Amino acid sequence: SNFANVVFLTEQIRQAEDPAFQDLLQRARSATLTEDDVATLNMCTTENRITNGETPPERAIIRLNRIREEVHLVHLRAFTKKRGQRI
């Protein structure tokens, strides 16, 4: 192995200003999510975000190749249209 040192990170930086979310993440790691946690996470789906008038992120984790290909094609068409190009 090329690695001589191991570093353990002990502090959440991305959620430093959101202790409630830090707590939710800790419960998720320990498999002790509450019903409120699950409800909170379910409110963050792409479908709910669109319903609330938000624009979903261009990047997402997509498990099915068929759906992934469709999403990529949608973004590719928008990209080429914006630049006056053809696929």
N, C-alpha and C. Protein backbone atom coordinates (compact mmCIF):
# COMPACT_ATOMS: atom_id res chain seq x y z
N SER A 1 0.83 -1.20 0.00
CA SER A 1 0.00 0.00 0.00
C SER A 1 0.87 1.25 0.00
N ASN A 2 0.42 2.28 -0.67
CA ASN A 2 1.14 3.55 -0.73
C ASN A 2 0.77 4.50 0.40
N PHE A 3 -0.15 4.09 1.24
CA PHE A 3 -0.62 4.97 2.30
C PHE A 3 0.09 4.64 3.62
N ALA A 4 0.70 5.64 4.21
CA ALA A 4 1.42 5.42 5.47
C ALA A 4 0.65 5.96 6.67
N ASN A 5 -0.28 6.87 6.44
CA ASN A 5 -1.01 7.52 7.53
C ASN A 5 -2.50 7.36 7.35
N VAL A 6 -3.20 7.31 8.46
CA VAL A 6 -4.66 7.27 8.45
C VAL A 6 -5.14 8.50 9.20
N VAL A 7 -6.12 9.18 8.63
CA VAL A 7 -6.68 10.38 9.25
C VAL A 7 -8.16 10.12 9.52
N PHE A 8 -8.58 10.35 10.74
CA PHE A 8 -9.99 10.24 11.10
C PHE A 8 -10.55 11.65 11.24
N LEU A 9 -11.56 11.95 10.43
CA LEU A 9 -12.21 13.26 10.51
C LEU A 9 -13.28 13.19 11.59
N THR A 10 -13.30 14.18 12.44
CA THR A 10 -14.22 14.15 13.58
C THR A 10 -15.22 15.30 13.58
N GLU A 11 -15.14 16.18 12.61
CA GLU A 11 -16.00 17.36 12.61
C GLU A 11 -16.72 17.49 11.28
N GLN A 12 -18.03 17.75 11.34
CA GLN A 12 -18.81 18.02 10.15
C GLN A 12 -18.59 19.47 9.73
N ILE A 13 -18.09 19.69 8.55
CA ILE A 13 -17.84 21.05 8.08
C ILE A 13 -19.01 21.54 7.22
N ARG A 14 -19.50 20.71 6.32
CA ARG A 14 -20.58 21.14 5.42
C ARG A 14 -21.84 21.54 6.17
N GLN A 15 -22.14 20.86 7.26
CA GLN A 15 -23.35 21.14 8.02
C GLN A 15 -23.03 21.84 9.33
N ALA A 16 -21.92 22.56 9.38
CA ALA A 16 -21.47 23.19 10.63
C ALA A 16 -22.51 24.15 11.20
N GLU A 17 -23.26 24.80 10.33
CA GLU A 17 -24.25 25.79 10.77
C GLU A 17 -25.64 25.19 10.95
N ASP A 18 -25.76 23.87 10.84
CA ASP A 18 -27.07 23.23 10.91
C ASP A 18 -27.02 22.03 11.86
N PRO A 19 -27.04 22.30 13.19
CA PRO A 19 -26.95 21.19 14.15
C PRO A 19 -28.09 20.19 14.04
N ALA A 20 -29.27 20.63 13.65
CA ALA A 20 -30.40 19.70 13.51
C ALA A 20 -30.10 18.68 12.41
N PHE A 21 -29.52 19.16 11.31
CA PHE A 21 -29.18 18.25 10.22
C PHE A 21 -28.01 17.34 10.62
N GLN A 22 -27.06 17.88 11.38
CA GLN A 22 -25.97 17.04 11.89
C GLN A 22 -26.52 15.89 12.73
N ASP A 23 -27.49 16.21 13.58
CA ASP A 23 -28.11 15.18 14.41
C ASP A 23 -28.81 14.13 13.56
N LEU A 24 -29.53 14.58 12.52
CA LEU A 24 -30.20 13.66 11.62
C LEU A 24 -29.18 12.74 10.95
N LEU A 25 -28.07 13.30 10.48
CA LEU A 25 -27.03 12.48 9.85
C LEU A 25 -26.47 11.44 10.82
N GLN A 26 -26.27 11.85 12.06
CA GLN A 26 -25.75 10.91 13.06
C GLN A 26 -26.73 9.77 13.30
N ARG A 27 -28.02 10.10 13.37
CA ARG A 27 -29.03 9.05 13.55
C ARG A 27 -29.07 8.13 12.32
N ALA A 28 -28.88 8.69 11.13
CA ALA A 28 -28.85 7.86 9.92
C ALA A 28 -27.66 6.90 9.97
N ARG A 29 -26.52 7.40 10.40
CA ARG A 29 -25.31 6.56 10.50
C ARG A 29 -25.50 5.42 11.50
N SER A 30 -26.24 5.68 12.55
CA SER A 30 -26.42 4.66 13.59
C SER A 30 -27.72 3.88 13.41
N ALA A 31 -28.41 4.10 12.28
CA ALA A 31 -29.66 3.40 11.96
C ALA A 31 -30.73 3.62 13.03
N THR A 32 -30.83 4.86 13.52
CA THR A 32 -31.83 5.19 14.54
C THR A 32 -32.69 6.38 14.11
N LEU A 33 -32.99 6.47 12.80
CA LEU A 33 -33.81 7.57 12.31
C LEU A 33 -35.19 7.54 12.95
N THR A 34 -35.71 8.71 13.24
CA THR A 34 -37.07 8.83 13.78
C THR A 34 -38.05 8.99 12.62
N GLU A 35 -39.33 8.92 12.93
CA GLU A 35 -40.34 9.16 11.90
C GLU A 35 -40.23 10.58 11.36
N ASP A 36 -39.93 11.54 12.23
CA ASP A 36 -39.73 12.92 11.78
C ASP A 36 -38.54 13.03 10.84
N ASP A 37 -37.47 12.29 11.12
CA ASP A 37 -36.30 12.29 10.23
C ASP A 37 -36.68 11.81 8.84
N VAL A 38 -37.41 10.71 8.79
CA VAL A 38 -37.83 10.15 7.51
C VAL A 38 -38.72 11.14 6.77
N ALA A 39 -39.64 11.78 7.48
CA ALA A 39 -40.51 12.78 6.85
C ALA A 39 -39.69 13.95 6.31
N THR A 40 -38.69 14.39 7.06
CA THR A 40 -37.82 15.48 6.61
C THR A 40 -37.09 15.08 5.34
N LEU A 41 -36.52 13.89 5.32
CA LEU A 41 -35.80 13.42 4.14
C LEU A 41 -36.73 13.28 2.94
N ASN A 42 -37.94 12.79 3.17
CA ASN A 42 -38.88 12.62 2.07
C ASN A 42 -39.33 13.96 1.49
N MET A 43 -39.27 15.03 2.28
CA MET A 43 -39.61 16.36 1.76
C MET A 43 -38.54 16.88 0.81
N CYS A 44 -37.37 16.26 0.82
CA CYS A 44 -36.24 16.73 0.01
C CYS A 44 -36.13 16.03 -1.33
N THR A 45 -37.14 15.26 -1.72
CA THR A 45 -37.06 14.57 -3.01
C THR A 45 -37.16 15.59 -4.14
N THR A 46 -36.66 15.20 -5.29
CA THR A 46 -36.71 16.07 -6.46
C THR A 46 -38.16 16.44 -6.78
N GLU A 47 -39.06 15.46 -6.69
CA GLU A 47 -40.47 15.71 -6.98
C GLU A 47 -41.03 16.79 -6.07
N ASN A 48 -40.76 16.71 -4.77
CA ASN A 48 -41.25 17.72 -3.84
C ASN A 48 -40.61 19.08 -4.09
N ARG A 49 -39.34 19.08 -4.44
CA ARG A 49 -38.66 20.35 -4.70
C ARG A 49 -39.27 21.05 -5.91
N ILE A 50 -39.60 20.28 -6.95
CA ILE A 50 -40.25 20.86 -8.14
C ILE A 50 -41.63 21.38 -7.77
N THR A 51 -42.39 20.61 -6.98
CA THR A 51 -43.71 21.03 -6.54
C THR A 51 -43.64 22.35 -5.77
N ASN A 52 -42.57 22.54 -5.01
CA ASN A 52 -42.39 23.77 -4.23
C ASN A 52 -41.78 24.91 -5.04
N GLY A 53 -41.66 24.70 -6.37
CA GLY A 53 -41.16 25.76 -7.23
C GLY A 53 -39.65 25.84 -7.34
N GLU A 54 -38.94 24.87 -6.77
CA GLU A 54 -37.48 24.87 -6.85
C GLU A 54 -37.04 24.22 -8.16
N THR A 55 -35.88 24.61 -8.63
CA THR A 55 -35.27 23.96 -9.78
C THR A 55 -34.38 22.84 -9.26
N PRO A 56 -34.61 21.62 -9.74
CA PRO A 56 -33.80 20.51 -9.23
C PRO A 56 -32.35 20.64 -9.69
N PRO A 57 -31.43 20.03 -8.97
CA PRO A 57 -30.02 20.12 -9.36
C PRO A 57 -29.77 19.40 -10.68
N GLU A 58 -28.75 19.86 -11.40
CA GLU A 58 -28.41 19.19 -12.65
C GLU A 58 -27.75 17.84 -12.39
N ARG A 59 -27.20 17.68 -11.21
CA ARG A 59 -26.55 16.42 -10.86
C ARG A 59 -27.42 15.67 -9.86
N ALA A 60 -27.53 14.39 -10.09
CA ALA A 60 -28.32 13.56 -9.19
C ALA A 60 -27.80 12.13 -9.27
N ILE A 61 -28.06 11.36 -8.25
CA ILE A 61 -27.73 9.94 -8.26
C ILE A 61 -28.93 9.21 -8.83
N ILE A 62 -28.71 8.52 -9.93
CA ILE A 62 -29.80 7.82 -10.61
C ILE A 62 -29.40 6.35 -10.72
N ARG A 63 -30.23 5.48 -10.18
CA ARG A 63 -29.88 4.06 -10.10
C ARG A 63 -30.11 3.31 -11.40
N LEU A 64 -31.11 3.68 -12.18
CA LEU A 64 -31.44 2.92 -13.38
C LEU A 64 -30.81 3.57 -14.61
N ASN A 65 -30.09 2.76 -15.40
CA ASN A 65 -29.43 3.30 -16.58
C ASN A 65 -30.40 3.94 -17.55
N ARG A 66 -31.57 3.34 -17.72
CA ARG A 66 -32.56 3.88 -18.66
C ARG A 66 -32.94 5.31 -18.28
N ILE A 67 -33.20 5.53 -17.00
CA ILE A 67 -33.58 6.87 -16.53
C ILE A 67 -32.38 7.80 -16.62
N ARG A 68 -31.21 7.31 -16.27
CA ARG A 68 -29.99 8.13 -16.34
C ARG A 68 -29.78 8.62 -17.77
N GLU A 69 -29.95 7.74 -18.74
CA GLU A 69 -29.78 8.13 -20.14
C GLU A 69 -30.79 9.19 -20.55
N GLU A 70 -32.03 9.05 -20.09
CA GLU A 70 -33.06 10.05 -20.40
C GLU A 70 -32.70 11.41 -19.80
N VAL A 71 -32.26 11.41 -18.56
CA VAL A 71 -31.89 12.67 -17.89
C VAL A 71 -30.71 13.31 -18.61
N HIS A 72 -29.71 12.51 -18.96
CA HIS A 72 -28.55 13.06 -19.68
C HIS A 72 -28.98 13.66 -21.02
N LEU A 73 -29.89 12.99 -21.73
CA LEU A 73 -30.34 13.49 -23.02
C LEU A 73 -31.08 14.82 -22.86
N VAL A 74 -31.90 14.95 -21.84
CA VAL A 74 -32.60 16.21 -21.59
C VAL A 74 -31.60 17.34 -21.38
N HIS A 75 -30.59 17.11 -20.56
CA HIS A 75 -29.59 18.14 -20.30
C HIS A 75 -28.71 18.40 -21.52
N LEU A 76 -28.41 17.36 -22.30
CA LEU A 76 -27.62 17.53 -23.51
C LEU A 76 -28.38 18.38 -24.53
N ARG A 77 -29.66 18.12 -24.69
CA ARG A 77 -30.47 18.92 -25.63
C ARG A 77 -30.52 20.39 -25.20
N ALA A 78 -30.70 20.64 -23.91
CA ALA A 78 -30.72 22.02 -23.41
C ALA A 78 -29.37 22.69 -23.63
N PHE A 79 -28.29 21.96 -23.39
CA PHE A 79 -26.94 22.48 -23.57
C PHE A 79 -26.69 22.88 -25.02
N THR A 80 -27.05 21.99 -25.96
CA THR A 80 -26.79 22.28 -27.37
C THR A 80 -27.73 23.36 -27.90
N LYS A 81 -28.96 23.39 -27.43
CA LYS A 81 -29.90 24.42 -27.87
C LYS A 81 -29.41 25.80 -27.45
N LYS A 82 -28.93 25.91 -26.22
CA LYS A 82 -28.43 27.18 -25.71
C LYS A 82 -27.26 27.70 -26.54
N ARG A 83 -26.49 26.78 -27.12
CA ARG A 83 -25.30 27.16 -27.88
C ARG A 83 -25.50 27.10 -29.39
N GLY A 84 -26.74 26.81 -29.82
CA GLY A 84 -27.02 26.76 -31.25
C GLY A 84 -26.31 25.61 -31.94
N GLN A 85 -26.12 24.52 -31.22
CA GLN A 85 -25.42 23.36 -31.78
C GLN A 85 -26.40 22.21 -31.98
N ARG A 86 -25.93 21.21 -32.71
CA ARG A 86 -26.73 20.01 -32.94
C ARG A 86 -26.07 18.82 -32.27
N ILE A 87 -26.88 17.86 -31.93
CA ILE A 87 -26.35 16.62 -31.34
C ILE A 87 -25.90 15.71 -32.46
